[in-house]
Amino acid sequence: MSSTTDLDWFKSSHSSAQGDSCVEVAVTEQAVLVRDSKDVERPHFAVGRQGWTQFVRYAAHG
């Protein structure tokens, strides 16, 4: 897997421009990586692509 600095990290379009409490995600072939946007030096965690899809579906309907 690439270094996390080489990845394209992005926030939700619902995040404010002031950088409020958000998470950022980066998509790789193997997983979706999630990190705290306020402290990008902290370790991220990885979620399988299928698990991420299920989470997003659940969140969209919740």
C-alpha atoms as a PDB file:
ATOM      1  CA  MET A   1       0.000   0.000   0.000  1.00  0.00           C
ATOM      2  CA  SER A   2       1.149   3.548  -0.669  1.00  0.00           C
ATOM      3  CA  SER A   3       2.309   5.873   2.051  1.00  0.00           C
ATOM      4  CA  THR A   4      -0.650   7.741   3.540  1.00  0.00           C
ATOM      5  CA  THR A   5       0.978  11.009   2.463  1.00  0.00           C
ATOM      6  CA  ASP A   6       0.685   9.847  -1.165  1.00  0.00           C
ATOM      7  CA  LEU A   7      -3.064   9.296  -0.897  1.00  0.00           C
ATOM      8  CA  ASP A   8      -5.859  11.682  -1.803  1.00  0.00           C
ATOM      9  CA  TRP A   9      -7.684  12.382   1.477  1.00  0.00           C
ATOM     10  CA  PHE A  10     -11.074  14.075   1.392  1.00  0.00           C
ATOM     11  CA  LYS A  11     -13.834  15.229   3.719  1.00  0.00           C
ATOM     12  CA  SER A  12     -17.571  15.066   3.309  1.00  0.00           C
ATOM     13  CA  SER A  13     -19.176  17.818   1.285  1.00  0.00           C
ATOM     14  CA  HIS A  14     -21.220  18.479   4.434  1.00  0.00           C
ATOM     15  CA  SER A  15     -18.094  19.565   6.356  1.00  0.00           C
ATOM     16  CA  SER A  16     -17.729  23.253   7.026  1.00  0.00           C
ATOM     17  CA  ALA A  17     -14.885  25.297   5.591  1.00  0.00           C
ATOM     18  CA  GLN A  18     -13.667  26.062   9.123  1.00  0.00           C
ATOM     19  CA  GLY A  19     -12.313  22.535   9.594  1.00  0.00           C
ATOM     20  CA  ASP A  20     -14.691  21.511  12.356  1.00  0.00           C
ATOM     21  CA  SER A  21     -14.597  18.063  13.871  1.00  0.00           C
ATOM     22  CA  CYS A  22     -14.464  15.847  10.809  1.00  0.00           C
ATOM     23  CA  VAL A  23     -12.944  12.706   9.521  1.00  0.00           C
ATOM     24  CA  GLU A  24     -11.147  12.320   6.227  1.00  0.00           C
ATOM     25  CA  VAL A  25     -11.150   9.242   4.051  1.00  0.00           C
ATOM     26  CA  ALA A  26      -8.856   7.884   1.378  1.00  0.00           C
ATOM     27  CA  VAL A  27      -9.822   5.000  -0.882  1.00  0.00           C
ATOM     28  CA  THR A  28      -7.348   2.303  -1.876  1.00  0.00           C
ATOM     29  CA  GLU A  29      -7.850  -0.930  -3.779  1.00  0.00           C
ATOM     30  CA  GLN A  30      -7.886  -2.882  -0.519  1.00  0.00           C
ATOM     31  CA  ALA A  31      -9.723  -0.613   1.921  1.00  0.00           C
ATOM     32  CA  VAL A  32     -11.072   2.769   2.904  1.00  0.00           C
ATOM     33  CA  LEU A  33      -8.763   4.568   5.330  1.00  0.00           C
ATOM     34  CA  VAL A  34     -10.239   6.918   7.930  1.00  0.00           C
ATOM     35  CA  ARG A  35      -8.402   9.567   9.977  1.00  0.00           C
ATOM     36  CA  ASP A  36      -9.096  12.563  12.215  1.00  0.00           C
ATOM     37  CA  SER A  37      -8.894  15.736  10.136  1.00  0.00           C
ATOM     38  CA  LYS A  38      -7.722  17.777  13.139  1.00  0.00           C
ATOM     39  CA  ASP A  39      -4.741  15.508  13.826  1.00  0.00           C
ATOM     40  CA  VAL A  40      -3.569  13.836  10.625  1.00  0.00           C
ATOM     41  CA  GLU A  41      -0.371  12.607  12.292  1.00  0.00           C
ATOM     42  CA  ARG A  42      -2.343  10.186  14.469  1.00  0.00           C
ATOM     43  CA  PRO A  43      -2.777   6.680  13.104  1.00  0.00           C
ATOM     44  CA  HIS A  44      -5.668   6.029  10.723  1.00  0.00           C
ATOM     45  CA  PHE A  45      -7.796   2.916  10.647  1.00  0.00           C
ATOM     46  CA  ALA A  46      -8.811   0.829   7.682  1.00  0.00           C
ATOM     47  CA  VAL A  47     -12.229  -0.541   6.817  1.00  0.00           C
ATOM     48  CA  GLY A  48     -12.849  -3.098   4.103  1.00  0.00           C
ATOM     49  CA  ARG A  49     -14.573  -1.641   1.065  1.00  0.00           C
ATOM     50  CA  GLN A  50     -17.668  -3.786   1.607  1.00  0.00           C
ATOM     51  CA  GLY A  51     -17.875  -2.749   5.266  1.00  0.00           C
ATOM     52  CA  TRP A  52     -17.536   0.922   4.284  1.00  0.00           C
ATOM     53  CA  THR A  53     -20.334   0.573   1.727  1.00  0.00           C
ATOM     54  CA  GLN A  54     -22.603  -0.946   4.375  1.00  0.00           C
ATOM     55  CA  PHE A  55     -21.748   1.859   6.811  1.00  0.00           C
ATOM     56  CA  VAL A  56     -22.505   4.595   4.257  1.00  0.00           C
ATOM     57  CA  ARG A  57     -25.832   2.964   3.349  1.00  0.00           C
ATOM     58  CA  TYR A  58     -26.773   2.751   7.014  1.00  0.00           C
ATOM     59  CA  ALA A  59     -25.736   6.351   7.710  1.00  0.00           C
ATOM     60  CA  ALA A  60     -27.658   7.638   4.686  1.00  0.00           C
ATOM     61  CA  HIS A  61     -30.874   6.044   5.907  1.00  0.00           C
ATOM     62  CA  GLY A  62     -30.395   6.730   9.615  1.00  0.00           C
END
